[in-house]
Structures are given as structure tokens and as C-alpha cells.
């Protein structure tokens, strides 16, 4: 018998203070829950090959997350510090059947995960160039008795969007994102850097044509390795994200405002799911 009944409170609090007309500071606390989806809880197993099966775990439980953050805003630039702790986080797991020589890939609840993020958002505009960049320094620690852990290492996630307003109503956009090498508890992941391009042209007041070229260097490659329950895994995933697309859009003008106005009461309304 599996008991899935529980009663929890999920409070959220936010405080904001204006230092002056250019600076402000805010503090947030929230408790959230993330439940496993139905496919993760099913009893269906997917056959990959005679030695490898992808399975589900009906024993998966919800993950409870406590997050505290503070942010400092100066004009449109910001600095944010986030501390979090997750109880029963869900991560990958392997179970090896020595008699059948079959490895089953599934998911399990680890005991605890904790960490912090430091995020810088630095937008600016110079002549025809508008840039929005985000830098996130992250460190986390995953704890579980069954796993062999790496020492945690701070890694950098970065994103940059660069928009250039060109003559004759052309707009050129270069964006890129990536992360440095990560060591997150049991997991070790490779560094990555992905570039996307787009060129847009406006015709009159209603027509817009955009040419997009995603992952131009075909760098969407993920490598990962970890050791759980005496099973060591090394994986390499090649993702074909390279794509060229052409979009033609026509605007019929301003649409009459709807009488219905949806108001979001809670900005973090998806934290209970």
C-alpha cells in the first residue's frame, strides 16, 4: 500500500522597499510543491535494447521546495541572490538486474538538495545596439545515501540577446546562451555554448518577414556521467536543434480591447503543481 495523502501549507511572502527614485530592494519567501507527472508514475516500461529498459517509478513522491531571495534594482539593472532547499528532489536512477543482465533507467526521490544562485541582469542600449544579458552563478548540493557524490562546483549560466536596428527597416538579432562545466552532486555535465541568428524586415505597416537560423554551430551536445547503486553511467546526447525557418506575418491592425481583463493574483501561481 502506498500512502499519497499529506497536508501541507504553502505560504508566500514578498516585501519591496524603494530606496529612492532609481533604486529598490525586495525580499521573497515561498514554499512550493512539485508532483511527479502521470507518465513517471505509470507501470509501463519502454524496451530500448536487450540490455537497457526505460521504466517508471510508482513510488515517486512530491518534491517540497523552500526558496528565499533578495534583489537589488538600480534603474533597469539588477542583482539577485536566491537560496533554496528541496526535500525529495527527483533525479535519474539506474537499477541493475545481475541475473537478467538488464539495466533499468528510472527516476527516484533523492533525500535533499540545497544551493544558491547569484544573478546579474545587465541591459543597455548604444546607438543601434540593444543588449540584454544575464549572468547566473549557481552552486548546489545533492544528498543521498545510495549515490557517490562529486564535490560541488560553482558554474556559470549566461544568456545574451543582441538586437541591431539597421537601415531600411531591417533588424538583426544575435543571441547566445550556455553554461560552464557542472558538478551537481552525483551529476557531471559538459560545458555548452549555443548561437542563434535572425534577420527581420518590415514592409509598410502590416508586413514582417523573419529569417531564423538556430544552433548555427550544431553545438547542442550533452554529456553526463554519474554513479548510483554501484552503477557507473556515461552518456552522450546529440540533439538536432539546427533549424532554418522563414516566417511571414501580417498584422490586421489594433484589435478592439476585450471587456474581460484577467488579473494574476499570484505571480508564482504555478508553484503548487
Protein backbone atom coordinates (compact mmCIF):
# COMPACT_ATOMS: atom_id res chain seq x y z
CA UNK A 1 0.00 0.00 0.00
CA UNK A 2 1.30 3.42 -0.99
CA UNK A 3 0.05 6.36 1.06
CA UNK A 4 -0.02 9.57 -1.02
CA UNK A 5 -2.05 11.61 1.46
CA UNK A 6 -0.40 14.59 3.09
CA UNK A 7 -1.39 18.01 4.37
CA UNK A 8 0.99 20.93 3.86
CA UNK A 9 0.93 24.71 3.97
CA UNK A 10 2.49 26.65 1.08
CA UNK A 11 2.98 30.24 2.23
CA UNK A 12 4.45 33.03 0.12
CA UNK A 13 5.58 36.47 1.30
CA UNK A 14 7.08 39.41 -0.56
CA UNK A 15 8.36 42.78 0.67
CA UNK A 16 9.59 45.63 -1.55
CA UNK A 17 11.17 48.91 -0.49
CA UNK A 18 12.07 51.94 -2.61
CA UNK A 19 15.39 53.47 -1.58
CA UNK A 20 14.93 56.42 -3.95
CA UNK A 21 13.61 57.01 -7.49
CA UNK A 22 16.37 54.87 -9.03
CA UNK A 23 16.95 52.09 -6.50
CA UNK A 24 14.82 49.49 -4.75
CA UNK A 25 15.25 46.28 -2.79
CA UNK A 26 12.92 43.30 -2.34
CA UNK A 27 12.71 40.15 -0.21
CA UNK A 28 10.78 36.97 -1.07
CA UNK A 29 9.98 33.67 0.58
CA UNK A 30 7.92 30.84 -0.89
CA UNK A 31 7.24 27.18 -0.17
CA UNK A 32 6.30 25.13 -3.23
CA UNK A 33 5.45 21.58 -4.23
CA UNK A 34 6.12 19.80 -7.50
CA UNK A 35 4.36 16.48 -8.01
CA UNK A 36 5.53 13.82 -10.50
CA UNK A 37 3.56 13.62 -13.73
CA UNK A 38 1.37 10.65 -14.65
CA UNK A 39 3.83 9.15 -17.13
CA UNK A 40 6.52 8.98 -14.42
CA UNK A 41 4.14 7.05 -12.13
CA UNK A 42 2.86 4.52 -14.67
CA UNK A 43 3.90 0.87 -14.57
CA UNK A 44 4.78 0.83 -18.29
CA UNK A 45 8.39 0.07 -19.27
CA UNK A 46 9.90 1.02 -22.63
CA UNK A 47 12.18 -1.53 -24.30
CA UNK A 48 15.34 0.11 -25.69
CA UNK A 49 17.51 -2.93 -26.38
CA UNK A 50 18.12 -6.38 -24.78
CA UNK A 51 20.27 -4.78 -22.07
CA UNK A 52 18.52 -1.47 -21.43
CA UNK A 53 14.96 -0.61 -20.34
CA UNK A 54 13.40 2.76 -19.58
CA UNK A 55 10.93 2.37 -16.73
CA UNK A 56 8.72 4.39 -14.39
CA UNK A 57 8.55 4.54 -10.61
CA UNK A 58 5.13 4.37 -8.96
CA UNK A 59 6.77 5.15 -5.62
CA UNK A 60 7.81 8.67 -6.64
CA UNK A 61 6.70 11.31 -4.17
CA UNK A 62 6.35 15.10 -4.42
CA UNK A 63 9.26 17.50 -4.10
CA UNK A 64 8.88 20.26 -1.50
CA UNK A 65 10.87 23.45 -2.15
CA UNK A 66 11.74 26.33 0.18
CA UNK A 67 13.14 29.43 -1.55
CA UNK A 68 14.41 32.69 -0.05
CA UNK A 69 15.60 35.51 -2.32
CA UNK A 70 16.54 39.16 -2.23
CA UNK A 71 17.00 41.51 -5.19
CA UNK A 72 18.54 44.94 -5.62
CA UNK A 73 17.30 47.02 -8.57
CA UNK A 74 19.16 50.04 -9.97
CA UNK A 75 17.31 51.55 -12.94
CA UNK A 76 16.94 48.52 -15.29
CA UNK A 77 19.92 46.62 -13.85
CA UNK A 78 19.50 44.12 -11.03
CA UNK A 79 21.37 41.81 -8.67
CA UNK A 80 19.52 38.86 -7.15
CA UNK A 81 20.56 36.28 -4.54
CA UNK A 82 18.49 33.10 -4.14
CA UNK A 83 18.87 30.37 -1.51
CA UNK A 84 16.86 27.17 -1.77
CA UNK A 85 16.38 23.74 -0.25
CA UNK A 86 14.45 20.89 -1.89
CA UNK A 87 13.18 17.87 0.02
CA UNK A 88 12.83 14.64 -2.00
CA UNK A 89 14.11 16.06 -5.34
CA UNK A 90 13.61 13.76 -8.34
CA UNK A 91 16.68 12.70 -10.31
CA UNK A 92 17.78 9.84 -12.54
CA UNK A 93 18.50 6.39 -11.17
CA UNK A 94 19.69 3.05 -12.51
CA UNK A 95 18.72 -0.41 -11.27
CA UNK A 96 20.80 -3.38 -12.47
CA UNK A 97 19.41 -6.94 -12.66
CA UNK A 98 22.51 -9.13 -12.43
CA UNK A 99 20.59 -12.33 -13.28
CA UNK A 100 18.99 -10.97 -16.43
CA UNK A 101 21.91 -8.64 -17.22
CA UNK A 102 19.43 -5.77 -17.76
CA UNK A 103 19.87 -2.15 -16.75
CA UNK A 104 16.66 -0.22 -16.00
CA UNK A 105 16.72 3.55 -16.23
CA UNK A 106 14.18 5.23 -13.98
CA UNK A 107 13.74 8.15 -11.57
CA UNK A 108 13.85 8.30 -7.78
CA UNK A 109 13.47 10.73 -4.91
CA UNK A 110 16.82 11.76 -3.51
CA UNK A 111 16.96 12.86 0.11
CA UNK A 112 17.80 16.54 -0.16
CA UNK A 113 19.12 19.23 -2.47
CA UNK A 114 20.29 22.71 -1.50
CA UNK A 115 22.09 25.55 -3.20
CA UNK A 116 22.22 29.20 -4.13
CA UNK A 117 22.13 31.39 -7.26
CA UNK A 118 23.57 34.85 -7.84
CA UNK A 119 22.01 36.53 -10.87
CA UNK A 120 23.10 39.72 -12.65
CA UNK A 121 20.85 41.30 -15.30
CA UNK A 122 22.66 43.98 -17.32
CA UNK A 123 20.67 45.55 -20.19
CA UNK A 124 21.95 48.56 -22.12
CA UNK A 125 21.46 50.44 -25.41
CA UNK A 126 24.18 52.05 -27.51
CA UNK A 127 23.13 53.71 -30.78
CA UNK A 128 21.71 50.89 -32.97
CA UNK A 129 22.67 48.14 -30.50
CA UNK A 130 20.37 46.93 -27.70
CA UNK A 131 21.75 44.25 -25.40
CA UNK A 132 20.11 42.23 -22.64
CA UNK A 133 22.46 39.92 -20.77
CA UNK A 134 22.05 37.70 -17.75
CA UNK A 135 24.79 36.00 -15.75
CA UNK A 136 23.89 33.39 -13.15
CA UNK A 137 26.43 31.85 -10.77
CA UNK A 138 24.98 28.66 -9.30
CA UNK A 139 26.05 26.07 -6.75
CA UNK A 140 24.01 23.15 -5.47
CA UNK A 141 24.49 20.05 -3.35
CA UNK A 142 22.56 16.79 -3.74
CA UNK A 143 22.50 14.34 -0.85
CA UNK A 144 21.51 10.67 -0.82
CA UNK A 145 22.92 7.56 0.88
CA UNK A 146 22.92 5.44 -2.29
CA UNK A 147 24.96 7.76 -4.52
CA UNK A 148 28.64 8.58 -4.96
CA UNK A 149 28.99 12.37 -4.97
CA UNK A 150 31.33 14.84 -6.60
CA UNK A 151 32.39 17.93 -4.67
CA UNK A 152 30.05 20.77 -5.66
CA UNK A 153 31.45 23.34 -8.06
CA UNK A 154 30.05 26.77 -8.85
CA UNK A 155 29.15 27.06 -12.53
CA UNK A 156 28.11 29.96 -14.73
CA UNK A 157 24.98 30.14 -16.86
CA UNK A 158 24.88 33.03 -19.30
CA UNK A 159 22.45 34.45 -21.84
CA UNK A 160 22.84 37.40 -24.19
CA UNK A 161 20.42 38.90 -26.71
CA UNK A 162 21.86 41.49 -29.11
CA UNK A 163 19.49 43.44 -31.35
CA UNK A 164 20.74 45.77 -34.08
CA UNK A 165 18.42 48.26 -35.81
CA UNK A 166 19.65 48.50 -39.42
CA UNK A 167 18.68 50.85 -42.25
CA UNK A 168 15.64 50.20 -44.45
CA UNK A 169 13.65 48.63 -41.57
CA UNK A 170 15.97 45.64 -41.11
CA UNK A 171 16.58 44.16 -37.66
CA UNK A 172 19.41 41.72 -36.96
CA UNK A 173 19.47 39.62 -33.77
CA UNK A 174 22.37 37.57 -32.42
CA UNK A 175 21.65 35.61 -29.27
CA UNK A 176 23.67 33.02 -27.43
CA UNK A 177 23.43 31.06 -24.21
CA UNK A 178 25.42 28.41 -22.43
CA UNK A 179 26.92 27.10 -19.23
CA UNK A 180 30.31 26.14 -17.92
CA UNK A 181 31.13 22.59 -16.78
CA UNK A 182 28.86 21.50 -13.94
CA UNK A 183 29.32 19.21 -10.97
CA UNK A 184 25.97 18.87 -9.25
CA UNK A 185 26.17 16.23 -6.57
CA UNK A 186 26.15 12.91 -8.44
CA UNK A 187 25.99 14.52 -11.89
CA UNK A 188 28.82 15.88 -14.01
CA UNK A 189 27.80 17.73 -17.18
CA UNK A 190 29.77 19.25 -20.03
CA UNK A 191 30.09 22.93 -20.91
CA UNK A 192 28.00 24.25 -23.81
CA UNK A 193 27.57 27.36 -25.94
CA UNK A 194 24.68 27.78 -28.41
CA UNK A 195 24.30 30.57 -31.02
CA UNK A 196 21.10 31.68 -32.80
CA UNK A 197 20.65 34.28 -35.56
CA UNK A 198 17.67 36.09 -37.07
CA UNK A 199 17.12 38.79 -39.68
CA UNK A 200 13.78 40.62 -39.89
CA UNK A 201 12.45 43.06 -42.46
CA UNK A 202 9.34 45.23 -42.09
CA UNK A 203 7.30 46.10 -45.18
CA UNK A 204 4.99 49.06 -44.65
CA UNK A 205 2.82 48.99 -41.54
CA UNK A 206 1.47 45.45 -41.73
CA UNK A 207 4.01 43.00 -43.14
CA UNK A 208 7.01 41.46 -41.42
CA UNK A 209 9.35 38.75 -42.72
CA UNK A 210 11.85 36.99 -40.43
CA UNK A 211 14.60 34.50 -41.27
CA UNK A 212 15.78 32.41 -38.28
CA UNK A 213 18.85 30.20 -38.03
CA UNK A 214 19.09 28.25 -34.76
CA UNK A 215 22.12 26.48 -33.27
CA UNK A 216 24.31 27.63 -36.15
CA UNK A 217 27.37 25.65 -34.98
CA UNK A 218 25.42 22.49 -34.08
CA UNK A 219 26.66 22.54 -30.51
CA UNK A 220 23.62 21.05 -28.78
CA UNK A 221 25.56 18.11 -27.35
CA UNK A 222 25.05 16.92 -23.78
CA UNK A 223 27.41 14.63 -21.91
CA UNK A 224 26.70 13.34 -18.43
CA UNK A 225 28.16 10.83 -16.03
CA UNK A 226 27.33 9.64 -12.55
CA UNK A 227 27.48 6.63 -10.21
CA UNK A 228 24.43 5.33 -8.32
CA UNK A 229 23.95 1.97 -6.59
CA UNK A 230 27.38 0.73 -7.80
CA UNK A 231 26.35 1.50 -11.43
CA UNK A 232 28.54 3.99 -13.30
CA UNK A 233 26.99 5.72 -16.30
CA UNK A 234 28.46 7.83 -19.08
CA UNK A 235 26.01 9.26 -21.61
CA UNK A 236 26.31 11.45 -24.68
CA UNK A 237 23.18 13.02 -26.22
CA UNK A 238 23.22 14.62 -29.67
CA UNK A 239 20.27 16.97 -30.22
CA UNK A 240 19.48 18.11 -33.77
CA UNK A 241 18.40 21.66 -32.92
CA UNK A 242 19.88 23.16 -36.09
CA UNK A 243 16.98 24.75 -37.95
CA UNK A 244 16.36 27.35 -40.65
CA UNK A 245 12.90 28.89 -40.78
CA UNK A 246 11.19 31.70 -42.66
CA UNK A 247 8.22 33.48 -41.09
CA UNK A 248 5.87 35.85 -42.86
CA UNK A 249 3.49 37.81 -40.66
CA UNK A 250 0.66 40.20 -41.47
CA UNK A 251 -0.89 42.49 -38.86
CA UNK A 252 -4.54 43.46 -39.26
CA UNK A 253 -4.06 46.48 -37.03
CA UNK A 254 -5.16 47.17 -33.50
CA UNK A 255 -7.75 44.74 -32.16
CA UNK A 256 -10.57 46.15 -30.07
CA UNK A 257 -9.83 45.70 -26.39
CA UNK A 258 -11.67 42.84 -24.75
CA UNK A 259 -14.02 43.62 -21.88
CA UNK A 260 -12.56 40.71 -19.93
CA UNK A 261 -9.38 41.54 -18.05
CA UNK A 262 -7.58 38.62 -16.44
CA UNK A 263 -5.73 39.56 -13.31
CA UNK A 264 -2.98 37.39 -11.90
CA UNK A 265 -3.37 37.37 -8.14
CA UNK A 266 -0.20 35.41 -7.51
CA UNK A 267 2.85 35.88 -9.71
CA UNK A 268 4.10 32.47 -8.64
CA UNK A 269 0.81 30.66 -9.12
CA UNK A 270 2.45 27.54 -10.62
CA UNK A 271 4.45 26.73 -7.51
CA UNK A 272 1.80 24.18 -6.43
CA UNK A 273 1.55 21.57 -9.15
